[in-house]
Amino acid sequence: MMLCLLLSAWGPVGGQEISEKAFLKAVRKHRKAIHREFRNPETSPLREEAKDFKGLAYFEPDMAYRVQAHLQKTPEAKPFVMPTSDPDRPKEYVSYGRLTFVLEGDTCTLTVYRSLRLAAMPQYRDYLFLPFKDHTNGVETYGGGRYLDLRTTDSDSVTVDFNLCYNPYCAYSDGWACPIPPEENHLPRRIEAGVKTYDPASH
């Protein structure tokens, strides 16, 4: 699953500093792992087209998009149904907390969610979901927004690295039910990091 791959990219969530060399090495390793997943018909969102996969387009790695966010948890939040790309297959989530961070001088806030279905599975109990939209959507990036995966934490400081953001599976083929980023997670700015729009003809 994509989330296993992404959660392993940096290890535990926290306020850890990282050198530029280590940062670039980790991003390259992360992207190679995604490439292997997409080439494997058993794990690829491309399904039968996986054998023809050449690669994904990315923004250049940029440490400016690896930010420290303050996490304000929302333990009293009620579960809700998040619409997906398939109206007949909504998914239940609950707000885990609000992330506030400064990016290139702008103060931004995003809500991070917990899937009720995955929370019931021991291997994904600490999985958190961060869907978002920004002003690159429909231009350089997929129009439906992009996702990030995080982990639950006891800390109020969380590393959010947009270099690791990825497309919903709906960006690659039909038949998936991909959560639609809620309006509260629409950033009024460009996020020039992570994966770009997939064009099989250009890869």
Protein backbone atom coordinates (compact mmCIF):
# COMPACT_ATOMS: atom_id res chain seq x y z
CA MET A 1 0.00 0.00 0.00
CA MET A 2 1.13 3.54 -0.72
CA LEU A 3 0.73 4.63 2.88
CA CYS A 4 3.22 2.01 4.13
CA LEU A 5 5.78 3.31 1.69
CA LEU A 6 5.29 6.94 2.59
CA LEU A 7 5.24 6.44 6.33
CA SER A 8 8.59 4.70 6.16
CA ALA A 9 10.25 7.56 4.31
CA TRP A 10 11.25 9.58 7.36
CA GLY A 11 10.57 7.33 10.31
CA PRO A 12 8.74 8.71 13.37
CA VAL A 13 7.08 12.09 13.12
CA GLY A 14 8.79 14.76 15.13
CA GLY A 15 10.77 17.96 15.13
CA GLN A 16 14.02 16.43 13.96
CA GLU A 17 16.46 18.52 11.93
CA ILE A 18 17.99 17.00 8.83
CA SER A 19 20.99 17.98 6.73
CA GLU A 20 20.52 18.90 3.08
CA LYS A 21 22.51 15.85 2.03
CA ALA A 22 20.36 13.51 4.12
CA PHE A 23 17.22 15.27 2.90
CA LEU A 24 18.10 14.78 -0.78
CA LYS A 25 19.11 11.17 -0.20
CA ALA A 26 15.81 10.42 1.54
CA VAL A 27 13.73 12.07 -1.19
CA ARG A 28 15.56 10.10 -3.90
CA LYS A 29 15.09 6.86 -1.97
CA HIS A 30 11.41 7.64 -1.49
CA ARG A 31 10.87 8.29 -5.20
CA LYS A 32 12.69 5.12 -6.23
CA ALA A 33 10.44 3.12 -3.91
CA ILE A 34 7.34 4.69 -5.49
CA HIS A 35 8.70 3.81 -8.94
CA ARG A 36 9.07 0.17 -7.91
CA GLU A 37 5.54 0.11 -6.56
CA PHE A 38 4.11 1.57 -9.77
CA ARG A 39 5.99 -0.98 -11.87
CA ASN A 40 4.51 -3.88 -9.89
CA PRO A 41 1.04 -4.88 -11.22
CA GLU A 42 0.10 -6.16 -7.74
CA THR A 43 0.63 -2.77 -6.07
CA SER A 44 0.33 -0.26 -8.91
CA PRO A 45 -2.69 2.03 -9.31
CA LEU A 46 -2.08 1.66 -13.05
CA ARG A 47 -3.17 -1.98 -12.90
CA GLU A 48 -2.59 -3.68 -16.27
CA GLU A 49 -0.70 -0.64 -17.58
CA ALA A 50 1.95 -1.02 -14.85
CA LYS A 51 4.30 -2.77 -17.26
CA ASP A 52 4.42 0.37 -19.39
CA PHE A 53 5.16 2.73 -16.51
CA LYS A 54 8.19 4.95 -17.15
CA GLY A 55 8.12 7.28 -14.16
CA LEU A 56 6.48 10.25 -12.48
CA ALA A 57 7.22 13.95 -12.81
CA TYR A 58 8.19 15.83 -9.65
CA PHE A 59 9.10 19.30 -8.55
CA GLU A 60 12.75 19.56 -7.59
CA PRO A 61 13.33 18.69 -3.92
CA ASP A 62 13.19 21.85 -1.82
CA MET A 63 13.86 21.99 1.92
CA ALA A 64 11.71 25.13 2.14
CA TYR A 65 8.71 22.81 1.83
CA ARG A 66 9.79 20.69 4.80
CA VAL A 67 8.28 22.61 7.69
CA GLN A 68 7.73 22.23 11.41
CA ALA A 69 4.05 22.49 12.30
CA HIS A 70 2.38 23.05 15.64
CA LEU A 71 -0.22 20.36 16.26
CA GLN A 72 -3.36 21.24 18.21
CA LYS A 73 -5.24 18.01 18.76
CA THR A 74 -9.03 17.83 18.52
CA PRO A 75 -9.94 14.91 20.82
CA GLU A 76 -13.61 15.92 20.99
CA ALA A 77 -14.10 15.89 17.21
CA LYS A 78 -16.97 13.82 15.87
CA PRO A 79 -16.60 11.34 13.00
CA PHE A 80 -17.87 12.53 9.64
CA VAL A 81 -18.25 11.24 6.11
CA MET A 82 -15.67 12.56 3.66
CA PRO A 83 -16.93 12.54 0.05
CA THR A 84 -14.85 10.66 -2.50
CA SER A 85 -14.54 10.64 -6.26
CA ASP A 86 -17.17 7.87 -6.22
CA PRO A 87 -20.38 9.28 -4.67
CA ASP A 88 -21.46 5.77 -3.73
CA ARG A 89 -18.30 5.09 -1.70
CA PRO A 90 -17.83 7.79 0.95
CA LYS A 91 -15.33 7.19 3.74
CA GLU A 92 -15.49 7.91 7.48
CA TYR A 93 -12.85 10.07 9.12
CA VAL A 94 -12.41 12.04 12.31
CA SER A 95 -10.28 15.15 12.80
CA TYR A 96 -7.09 14.34 14.71
CA GLY A 97 -5.83 17.89 14.95
CA ARG A 98 -4.98 21.20 13.32
CA LEU A 99 -1.49 21.81 11.95
CA THR A 100 -0.24 25.41 11.86
CA PHE A 101 3.02 26.28 10.15
CA VAL A 102 4.81 29.09 8.35
CA LEU A 103 5.69 28.57 4.71
CA GLU A 104 7.66 31.26 2.89
CA GLY A 105 6.34 33.88 5.27
CA ASP A 106 2.70 32.76 5.12
CA THR A 107 0.95 31.22 8.13
CA CYS A 108 -0.98 28.15 6.97
CA THR A 109 -3.36 25.78 8.73
CA LEU A 110 -4.42 22.29 7.67
CA THR A 111 -6.51 19.64 9.37
CA VAL A 112 -5.09 16.14 9.64
CA TYR A 113 -7.56 13.25 9.82
CA ARG A 114 -7.77 9.69 11.03
CA SER A 115 -9.52 6.98 9.01
CA LEU A 116 -11.94 5.03 11.19
CA ARG A 117 -11.49 1.94 9.01
CA LEU A 118 -7.69 1.98 9.20
CA ALA A 119 -7.67 2.87 12.90
CA ALA A 120 -9.30 -0.51 13.54
CA MET A 121 -6.33 -2.31 11.93
CA PRO A 122 -3.31 -2.82 14.23
CA GLN A 123 -0.78 -2.17 11.45
CA TYR A 124 -2.36 1.20 10.58
CA ARG A 125 -3.47 2.30 14.03
CA ASP A 126 -1.12 5.29 14.02
CA TYR A 127 -1.83 6.36 10.43
CA LEU A 128 -2.94 9.95 9.77
CA PHE A 129 -4.23 11.39 6.51
CA LEU A 130 -3.54 14.92 5.25
CA PRO A 131 -5.38 15.74 2.00
CA PHE A 132 -4.97 19.23 0.58
CA LYS A 133 -5.46 21.43 -2.45
CA ASP A 134 -3.37 24.38 -3.58
CA HIS A 135 -3.02 26.75 -6.52
CA THR A 136 -0.94 24.31 -8.61
CA ASN A 137 -3.93 21.95 -8.95
CA GLY A 138 -5.17 21.75 -12.50
CA VAL A 139 -1.97 23.39 -13.75
CA GLU A 140 1.19 21.48 -12.82
CA THR A 141 -0.51 19.06 -10.47
CA TYR A 142 -3.58 16.85 -10.35
CA GLY A 143 -6.80 18.85 -10.23
CA GLY A 144 -8.28 16.78 -7.40
CA GLY A 145 -5.56 17.70 -4.92
CA ARG A 146 -2.78 15.70 -3.33
CA TYR A 147 -2.19 13.73 -0.13
CA LEU A 148 0.38 13.37 2.66
CA ASP A 149 0.62 10.59 5.24
CA LEU A 150 1.68 11.18 8.84
CA ARG A 151 1.67 9.29 12.13
CA THR A 152 0.01 9.93 15.46
CA THR A 153 2.35 11.50 17.98
CA ASP A 154 2.59 12.60 21.61
CA SER A 155 4.45 15.72 20.49
CA ASP A 156 2.89 19.04 19.53
CA SER A 157 5.60 19.53 16.89
CA VAL A 158 5.18 17.66 13.60
CA THR A 159 7.34 17.61 10.49
CA VAL A 160 5.27 18.21 7.38
CA ASP A 161 7.24 17.56 4.20
CA PHE A 162 5.39 18.49 1.03
CA ASN A 163 8.22 16.92 -0.99
CA LEU A 164 6.58 13.61 -0.07
CA CYS A 165 3.07 14.49 -1.18
CA TYR A 166 1.49 12.17 -3.72
CA ASN A 167 -1.48 11.92 -6.05
CA PRO A 168 -4.69 10.03 -5.30
CA TYR A 169 -4.92 6.79 -7.25
CA CYS A 170 -7.72 8.45 -9.24
CA ALA A 171 -5.02 10.48 -11.00
CA TYR A 172 -3.84 7.29 -12.71
CA SER A 173 -6.88 5.16 -13.51
CA ASP A 174 -10.63 4.85 -13.02
CA GLY A 175 -12.45 2.78 -10.44
CA TRP A 176 -10.90 4.18 -7.27
CA ALA A 177 -12.77 6.03 -4.51
CA CYS A 178 -10.41 8.87 -3.60
CA PRO A 179 -11.25 11.24 -0.72
CA ILE A 180 -11.86 14.82 -1.83
CA PRO A 181 -9.86 17.32 0.26
CA PRO A 182 -12.29 19.28 2.48
CA GLU A 183 -12.55 23.02 1.89
CA GLU A 184 -10.75 23.73 5.16
CA ASN A 185 -7.66 22.15 3.56
CA HIS A 186 -7.61 24.35 0.46
CA LEU A 187 -4.41 26.40 0.70
CA PRO A 188 -4.58 29.87 -0.90
CA ARG A 189 -1.08 29.51 -2.33
CA ARG A 190 1.09 27.32 -4.53
CA ILE A 191 2.85 24.23 -3.16
CA GLU A 192 5.67 23.67 -5.63
CA ALA A 193 6.80 20.37 -4.14
CA GLY A 194 6.11 16.70 -4.55
CA VAL A 195 4.53 14.89 -7.45
CA LYS A 196 3.12 16.58 -10.55
CA THR A 197 0.33 15.58 -12.92
CA TYR A 198 0.74 12.15 -14.48
CA ASP A 199 0.95 12.09 -18.27
CA PRO A 200 1.73 8.57 -19.50
CA ALA A 201 2.62 9.91 -22.94
CA SER A 202 5.45 12.02 -21.54
CA HIS A 203 7.17 9.43 -19.33
